[in-house]
Structures are given as structure tokens and as C-alpha cells.
């Protein structure tokens, strides 16, 4: 394990991500519910990123395989989902991030997405990480709720070892008993000291896993508290799930934000980063 802070710089979607750079925003709905809704939200987030002058990666999943219940909504699936995401890219010009859950999904997803995301429950899956890394696309590896922060270096090395240095690791809380997560802000520093570029997932971190009768609950009121704390601790990217009407969302609604709530949050986070001299002025 490395000691002392290491200035790790990576490139995602043609943008430099790391110390001194503008915060990268990863935001979007958890899952594709309808093509029209995804396009509306993508355009709204594009305009938000332009106003705040932050690079944006639009996040949306074609399939959410890690569900509490077999009857939970998962999305339209690989083929239809990638068609929708391809249209988002054509119409908005923004970069895309989507999850991959198995190696067979990697190649078709990489033909559309700019960043491939390894879900938290799969962050130890060597073949999946290696296959995603070999595409040459950027990777976002979510830290498992069961993984110590410093151990994420081992996950990232699986990508480094096949020649892909552009790996972001994302903190999203640690299991704390049943149906609860906590965020240890020390973990952000530990991952950065290991030489990793670090993202904070402000919305999944307030999840209450499997706490809502066959689905996950969440405590949205804590999103801004945790995001501000993470910004002060030091992050390279901020991840947030956004929905036009979170209370009606088909997946992770209790922890998702409305676009206007994201706008207020982003303003706070950027102000904290300016005050703590984490980035150059835009």
C-alpha cells in the first residue's frame, strides 16, 4: 500500500479527472423507464452542466440485475436499452455511463457508452473488470458495501494490469448491520492515498438496502449532508441519481434527487471545493 497522497490523473470521455481539475459530474436516472423521460432528463442535465461549467457523464442503466426481488423493475434490457442510450448520445452529444453485469454485455455496451460501470456487488469479479478494461473505455468501479476502502486498489489493478489506467473508484457506503449503510469519510482519503481517482455516490450512500418489503428504501434528506462532507474530504467526481419525480421512480426512488435538488447540491459542492482549493477556477 502506498503512503502519502499521490496525484493520480486519469482521462474519462476526453476530460482530465483528478487533483486540480474541475469536478466530474456523473448523473442520471437509475434505469431507463421510457425513452422520452431519459431524453428530457439528459437534456436538462446537459444544460445544468453547461451553466456550472462542469463536465458531465450521463448515467443510466439498460438493466439492473442486482434487485432485492425477482419481481422488481429492471429496465428494457440490453438491446432496447442501448438503442435508447445511443439516441441520447446522438441528440445531446453528452458522454454516457452504463452498468455491465456480465462479460457478454461488455462489447455491445462499449459500442455506445463512454464509461463502463462495474456494480458494487460485482467489484471483485476479475473477468468482468478485465473484459471492461480491455475495451479501452473508462471504468467506474463501485466499492462493494463489504469492501474496505484500501482494498479497492486490488480491483483497480485488475484493469491496470490489462493496460487500462483510466479507472475511477466510487464510494457508496458500507453495510452497517441489516438494512443500513454508513459512509466512513476516511475511506475517501485512503483510496486517494492508494493512488486512485475517487468518486462519491451521494444517492446510493443513503440507501436502506432491501428495507422496503422486497425493495430498497432510502433517506433522501441525508444526500446533501454526505455530499458536502465528501467534497470537504476531497473527491474527483460526484455521482447522483436523478429523476423527474423520484417518488414515482420504478427503481431507487427514495434515494434519488429531483433535478432542482441536484442543482442546489452541485452549487454547494463546488463552493466547498473552491474554498478548500481543490480545483482551478473554471
Protein backbone atom coordinates (compact mmCIF):
# COMPACT_ATOMS: atom_id res chain seq x y z
CA UNK A 1 0.00 0.00 0.00
CA UNK A 2 1.30 3.40 -0.96
CA UNK A 3 1.74 6.00 1.73
CA UNK A 4 1.15 9.69 1.30
CA UNK A 5 -1.15 11.36 -1.23
CA UNK A 6 -0.47 10.50 -4.85
CA UNK A 7 -1.58 12.93 -7.57
CA UNK A 8 -3.39 10.44 -9.79
CA UNK A 9 -4.76 11.84 -13.04
CA UNK A 10 -6.96 9.84 -15.37
CA UNK A 11 -8.88 10.58 -18.55
CA UNK A 12 -12.59 9.91 -18.93
CA UNK A 13 -14.51 10.90 -22.05
CA UNK A 14 -11.63 13.10 -23.17
CA UNK A 15 -11.58 15.01 -19.87
CA UNK A 16 -8.82 15.07 -17.28
CA UNK A 17 -10.09 13.87 -13.91
CA UNK A 18 -8.04 14.29 -10.76
CA UNK A 19 -6.35 16.83 -8.48
CA UNK A 20 -6.75 20.42 -9.59
CA UNK A 21 -9.29 19.55 -12.29
CA UNK A 22 -12.93 20.57 -12.45
CA UNK A 23 -15.27 18.19 -10.63
CA UNK A 24 -16.69 15.49 -12.90
CA UNK A 25 -20.46 15.10 -12.54
CA UNK A 26 -21.98 11.66 -13.14
CA UNK A 27 -25.75 11.94 -13.02
CA UNK A 28 -28.93 10.47 -14.44
CA UNK A 29 -31.79 8.10 -13.71
CA UNK A 30 -31.10 4.72 -12.19
CA UNK A 31 -32.78 2.84 -15.04
CA UNK A 32 -34.36 3.56 -18.40
CA UNK A 33 -38.10 3.82 -17.72
CA UNK A 34 -39.06 5.42 -21.03
CA UNK A 35 -37.16 6.88 -23.94
CA UNK A 36 -38.86 10.26 -23.70
CA UNK A 37 -38.14 10.62 -19.97
CA UNK A 38 -34.48 9.76 -20.46
CA UNK A 39 -34.08 12.25 -23.30
CA UNK A 40 -35.77 15.04 -21.32
CA UNK A 41 -33.58 14.46 -18.30
CA UNK A 42 -30.40 14.14 -20.34
CA UNK A 43 -31.05 17.50 -21.99
CA UNK A 44 -31.83 19.12 -18.65
CA UNK A 45 -28.64 17.80 -17.08
CA UNK A 46 -26.64 18.90 -20.11
CA UNK A 47 -27.88 22.45 -19.63
CA UNK A 48 -27.13 22.25 -15.90
CA UNK A 49 -23.55 21.13 -16.56
CA UNK A 50 -23.04 23.93 -19.04
CA UNK A 51 -24.33 26.51 -16.57
CA UNK A 52 -21.98 25.30 -13.82
CA UNK A 53 -19.18 24.58 -16.30
CA UNK A 54 -18.61 21.05 -15.09
CA UNK A 55 -18.03 18.04 -17.36
CA UNK A 56 -20.99 15.67 -17.36
CA UNK A 57 -21.32 11.94 -17.84
CA UNK A 58 -24.95 10.90 -18.15
CA UNK A 59 -25.62 7.75 -16.16
CA UNK A 60 -28.43 5.34 -16.97
CA UNK A 61 -28.76 1.55 -16.87
CA UNK A 62 -30.31 -0.70 -19.50
CA UNK A 63 -30.70 -3.44 -16.90
CA UNK A 64 -30.45 -3.52 -13.13
CA UNK A 65 -29.65 -7.13 -12.34
CA UNK A 66 -28.93 -6.56 -8.64
CA UNK A 67 -32.50 -6.39 -7.38
CA UNK A 68 -33.85 -7.36 -3.98
CA UNK A 69 -36.81 -9.20 -5.50
CA UNK A 70 -37.13 -11.13 -8.73
CA UNK A 71 -40.25 -9.11 -9.49
CA UNK A 72 -38.53 -5.72 -9.24
CA UNK A 73 -38.32 -3.47 -12.30
CA UNK A 74 -35.04 -3.97 -14.18
CA UNK A 75 -35.29 -1.87 -17.33
CA UNK A 76 -35.73 -2.62 -21.04
CA UNK A 77 -32.75 -4.94 -21.37
CA UNK A 78 -29.52 -4.83 -23.35
CA UNK A 79 -30.67 -4.40 -26.95
CA UNK A 80 -33.50 -1.90 -26.47
CA UNK A 81 -31.66 -0.09 -23.69
CA UNK A 82 -28.59 0.53 -25.80
CA UNK A 83 -30.80 1.83 -28.61
CA UNK A 84 -32.20 4.43 -26.23
CA UNK A 85 -28.77 5.40 -24.94
CA UNK A 86 -27.42 5.70 -28.48
CA UNK A 87 -30.24 8.13 -29.26
CA UNK A 88 -29.39 10.15 -26.14
CA UNK A 89 -25.82 10.49 -27.38
CA UNK A 90 -26.90 11.48 -30.90
CA UNK A 91 -29.36 14.12 -29.72
CA UNK A 92 -27.46 15.64 -26.80
CA UNK A 93 -23.81 14.93 -27.56
CA UNK A 94 -23.09 14.09 -23.92
CA UNK A 95 -20.94 11.22 -22.70
CA UNK A 96 -22.63 8.10 -21.35
CA UNK A 97 -22.08 5.66 -18.48
CA UNK A 98 -23.91 2.38 -18.06
CA UNK A 99 -23.57 -0.76 -15.93
CA UNK A 100 -22.38 -4.11 -17.16
CA UNK A 101 -23.21 -7.21 -15.14
CA UNK A 102 -21.61 -9.98 -17.17
CA UNK A 103 -18.84 -10.30 -19.73
CA UNK A 104 -21.26 -10.86 -22.65
CA UNK A 105 -22.66 -7.36 -22.12
CA UNK A 106 -19.31 -5.63 -22.27
CA UNK A 107 -18.69 -5.45 -26.03
CA UNK A 108 -22.13 -4.15 -27.09
CA UNK A 109 -22.24 -1.70 -24.17
CA UNK A 110 -18.79 -0.36 -25.08
CA UNK A 111 -20.02 0.41 -28.59
CA UNK A 112 -22.40 3.00 -27.09
CA UNK A 113 -21.12 4.01 -23.65
CA UNK A 114 -18.03 6.07 -22.91
CA UNK A 115 -17.63 4.71 -19.37
CA UNK A 116 -18.48 1.19 -18.23
CA UNK A 117 -19.56 0.78 -14.63
CA UNK A 118 -18.88 -2.27 -12.50
CA UNK A 119 -21.69 -2.54 -9.91
CA UNK A 120 -20.74 -2.67 -6.24
CA UNK A 121 -21.80 -6.29 -5.77
CA UNK A 122 -19.52 -7.28 -8.68
CA UNK A 123 -16.39 -5.29 -7.80
CA UNK A 124 -14.43 -8.49 -7.12
CA UNK A 125 -15.35 -10.13 -10.45
CA UNK A 126 -11.98 -10.38 -12.15
CA UNK A 127 -13.16 -11.47 -15.59
CA UNK A 128 -15.78 -8.70 -15.75
CA UNK A 129 -13.33 -5.96 -14.79
CA UNK A 130 -10.68 -7.24 -17.20
CA UNK A 131 -13.15 -7.52 -20.08
CA UNK A 132 -14.44 -3.99 -19.48
CA UNK A 133 -10.90 -2.62 -19.20
CA UNK A 134 -9.82 -4.25 -22.48
CA UNK A 135 -12.41 -2.20 -24.39
CA UNK A 136 -10.27 0.88 -23.75
CA UNK A 137 -13.25 2.72 -22.31
CA UNK A 138 -13.05 4.39 -18.91
CA UNK A 139 -14.16 2.33 -15.92
CA UNK A 140 -16.10 3.28 -12.82
CA UNK A 141 -15.80 0.54 -10.21
CA UNK A 142 -18.27 0.90 -7.36
CA UNK A 143 -16.85 -0.05 -3.97
CA UNK A 144 -18.71 -3.03 -2.59
CA UNK A 145 -20.64 -2.45 0.61
CA UNK A 146 -18.49 -5.25 2.05
CA UNK A 147 -15.07 -3.99 0.87
CA UNK A 148 -12.54 -1.97 2.86
CA UNK A 149 -11.59 1.26 1.06
CA UNK A 150 -7.89 0.43 0.67
CA UNK A 151 -8.78 -2.95 -0.87
CA UNK A 152 -10.26 -1.19 -3.91
CA UNK A 153 -6.69 -0.88 -5.14
CA UNK A 154 -6.80 -4.62 -5.89
CA UNK A 155 -9.94 -4.17 -8.01
CA UNK A 156 -8.42 -1.26 -9.91
CA UNK A 157 -5.21 -3.18 -10.54
CA UNK A 158 -7.19 -5.77 -12.48
CA UNK A 159 -7.83 -3.04 -15.04
CA UNK A 160 -4.33 -1.57 -14.82
CA UNK A 161 -2.81 -4.99 -15.50
CA UNK A 162 -4.58 -5.31 -18.86
CA UNK A 163 -3.41 -1.85 -19.90
CA UNK A 164 -6.22 0.48 -18.88
CA UNK A 165 -5.20 3.21 -16.39
CA UNK A 166 -8.45 5.19 -16.62
CA UNK A 167 -10.22 3.82 -13.57
CA UNK A 168 -12.45 5.72 -11.18
CA UNK A 169 -13.47 4.09 -7.89
CA UNK A 170 -16.70 5.11 -6.22
CA UNK A 171 -17.60 5.16 -2.53
CA UNK A 172 -21.23 4.26 -1.93
CA UNK A 173 -21.39 3.31 1.74
CA UNK A 174 -20.59 0.28 3.84
CA UNK A 175 -23.04 -2.24 5.31
CA UNK A 176 -23.77 -1.38 8.94
CA UNK A 177 -25.93 -4.14 10.31
CA UNK A 178 -29.11 -5.06 8.48
CA UNK A 179 -30.82 -2.62 6.07
CA UNK A 180 -28.40 0.23 6.64
CA UNK A 181 -25.28 1.84 5.21
CA UNK A 182 -22.78 4.28 6.65
CA UNK A 183 -20.10 6.33 4.92
CA UNK A 184 -16.68 6.49 6.53
CA UNK A 185 -15.20 9.67 5.10
CA UNK A 186 -11.72 8.42 5.97
CA UNK A 187 -12.15 5.94 3.12
CA UNK A 188 -12.02 8.73 0.53
CA UNK A 189 -8.55 9.71 1.73
CA UNK A 190 -7.42 6.10 1.99
CA UNK A 191 -8.35 5.41 -1.64
CA UNK A 192 -6.66 8.59 -2.82
CA UNK A 193 -3.54 7.75 -0.81
CA UNK A 194 -3.51 4.42 -2.65
CA UNK A 195 -3.19 6.38 -5.90
CA UNK A 196 -6.80 6.05 -7.03
CA UNK A 197 -9.13 8.64 -8.54
CA UNK A 198 -12.19 8.82 -6.32
CA UNK A 199 -15.88 9.49 -6.84
CA UNK A 200 -18.58 9.84 -4.19
CA UNK A 201 -22.02 8.37 -4.86
CA UNK A 202 -24.24 10.69 -2.86
CA UNK A 203 -27.52 8.89 -3.52
CA UNK A 204 -26.75 5.18 -3.20
CA UNK A 205 -24.97 6.03 0.05
CA UNK A 206 -28.32 6.85 1.66
CA UNK A 207 -29.95 3.60 0.56
CA UNK A 208 -31.61 1.31 3.07
CA UNK A 209 -30.88 -1.99 1.32
CA UNK A 210 -33.86 -4.34 0.99
CA UNK A 211 -35.70 -2.40 3.71
CA UNK A 212 -38.93 -1.67 1.84
CA UNK A 213 -40.76 -5.00 1.60
CA UNK A 214 -38.88 -6.53 -1.30
CA UNK A 215 -37.19 -3.33 -2.44
CA UNK A 216 -34.57 -0.91 -1.15
CA UNK A 217 -35.59 2.17 0.75
CA UNK A 218 -33.63 5.35 1.23
CA UNK A 219 -33.24 8.54 3.24
CA UNK A 220 -33.00 11.32 0.69
CA UNK A 221 -32.69 14.02 3.35
CA UNK A 222 -29.11 12.90 4.05
CA UNK A 223 -27.84 13.19 0.46
CA UNK A 224 -26.71 16.81 0.75
CA UNK A 225 -25.14 16.27 4.19
CA UNK A 226 -22.96 13.42 2.92
CA UNK A 227 -22.10 15.10 -0.38
CA UNK A 228 -20.90 18.26 1.36
CA UNK A 229 -18.80 16.23 3.75
CA UNK A 230 -17.30 14.22 0.88
CA UNK A 231 -16.49 17.42 -1.01
CA UNK A 232 -14.62 18.73 2.01
CA UNK A 233 -12.77 15.43 2.42
CA UNK A 234 -11.70 15.50 -1.23
CA UNK A 235 -13.22 13.85 -4.31
CA UNK A 236 -12.59 13.94 -8.04
CA UNK A 237 -16.15 13.19 -9.14
CA UNK A 238 -19.69 13.31 -7.78
CA UNK A 239 -22.30 10.67 -8.64
CA UNK A 240 -26.04 11.24 -8.16
CA UNK A 241 -29.16 9.51 -9.40
CA UNK A 242 -31.72 11.99 -10.65
CA UNK A 243 -35.38 11.52 -11.57
CA UNK A 244 -38.10 13.95 -12.64
CA UNK A 245 -40.41 12.53 -9.96
CA UNK A 246 -38.42 10.38 -7.51
CA UNK A 247 -41.48 9.34 -5.52
CA UNK A 248 -42.81 7.64 -8.65
CA UNK A 249 -39.49 6.18 -9.82
CA UNK A 250 -39.51 2.46 -10.58
CA UNK A 251 -36.06 1.93 -9.09
CA UNK A 252 -34.24 3.64 -6.17
CA UNK A 253 -36.75 6.47 -5.93
CA UNK A 254 -36.34 7.03 -2.16
CA UNK A 255 -32.68 7.96 -2.61
CA UNK A 256 -32.92 9.82 -5.94
CA UNK A 257 -32.95 13.61 -6.39
CA UNK A 258 -35.09 15.93 -8.46
CA UNK A 259 -33.06 17.99 -10.96
CA UNK A 260 -33.55 21.17 -8.96
CA UNK A 261 -32.22 19.44 -5.83
CA UNK A 262 -29.14 18.37 -7.78
CA UNK A 263 -28.63 21.96 -8.88
CA UNK A 264 -28.62 23.20 -5.27
CA UNK A 265 -26.33 20.36 -4.21
CA UNK A 266 -23.88 20.99 -7.02
CA UNK A 267 -23.68 24.66 -6.10
CA UNK A 268 -22.76 23.74 -2.51
CA UNK A 269 -20.22 21.11 -3.52
CA UNK A 270 -18.44 23.41 -5.96
CA UNK A 271 -18.31 26.18 -3.36
CA UNK A 272 -16.69 23.82 -0.87
CA UNK A 273 -14.14 22.70 -3.44
CA UNK A 274 -13.28 26.34 -4.21
CA UNK A 275 -12.96 27.15 -0.51
CA UNK A 276 -10.63 24.21 0.06
CA UNK A 277 -8.54 24.95 -3.06
CA UNK A 278 -9.25 21.59 -4.71
CA UNK A 279 -9.60 22.89 -8.25
CA UNK A 280 -8.79 25.76 -10.51
CA UNK A 281 -11.50 28.29 -11.27
CA UNK A 282 -13.45 27.35 -14.42
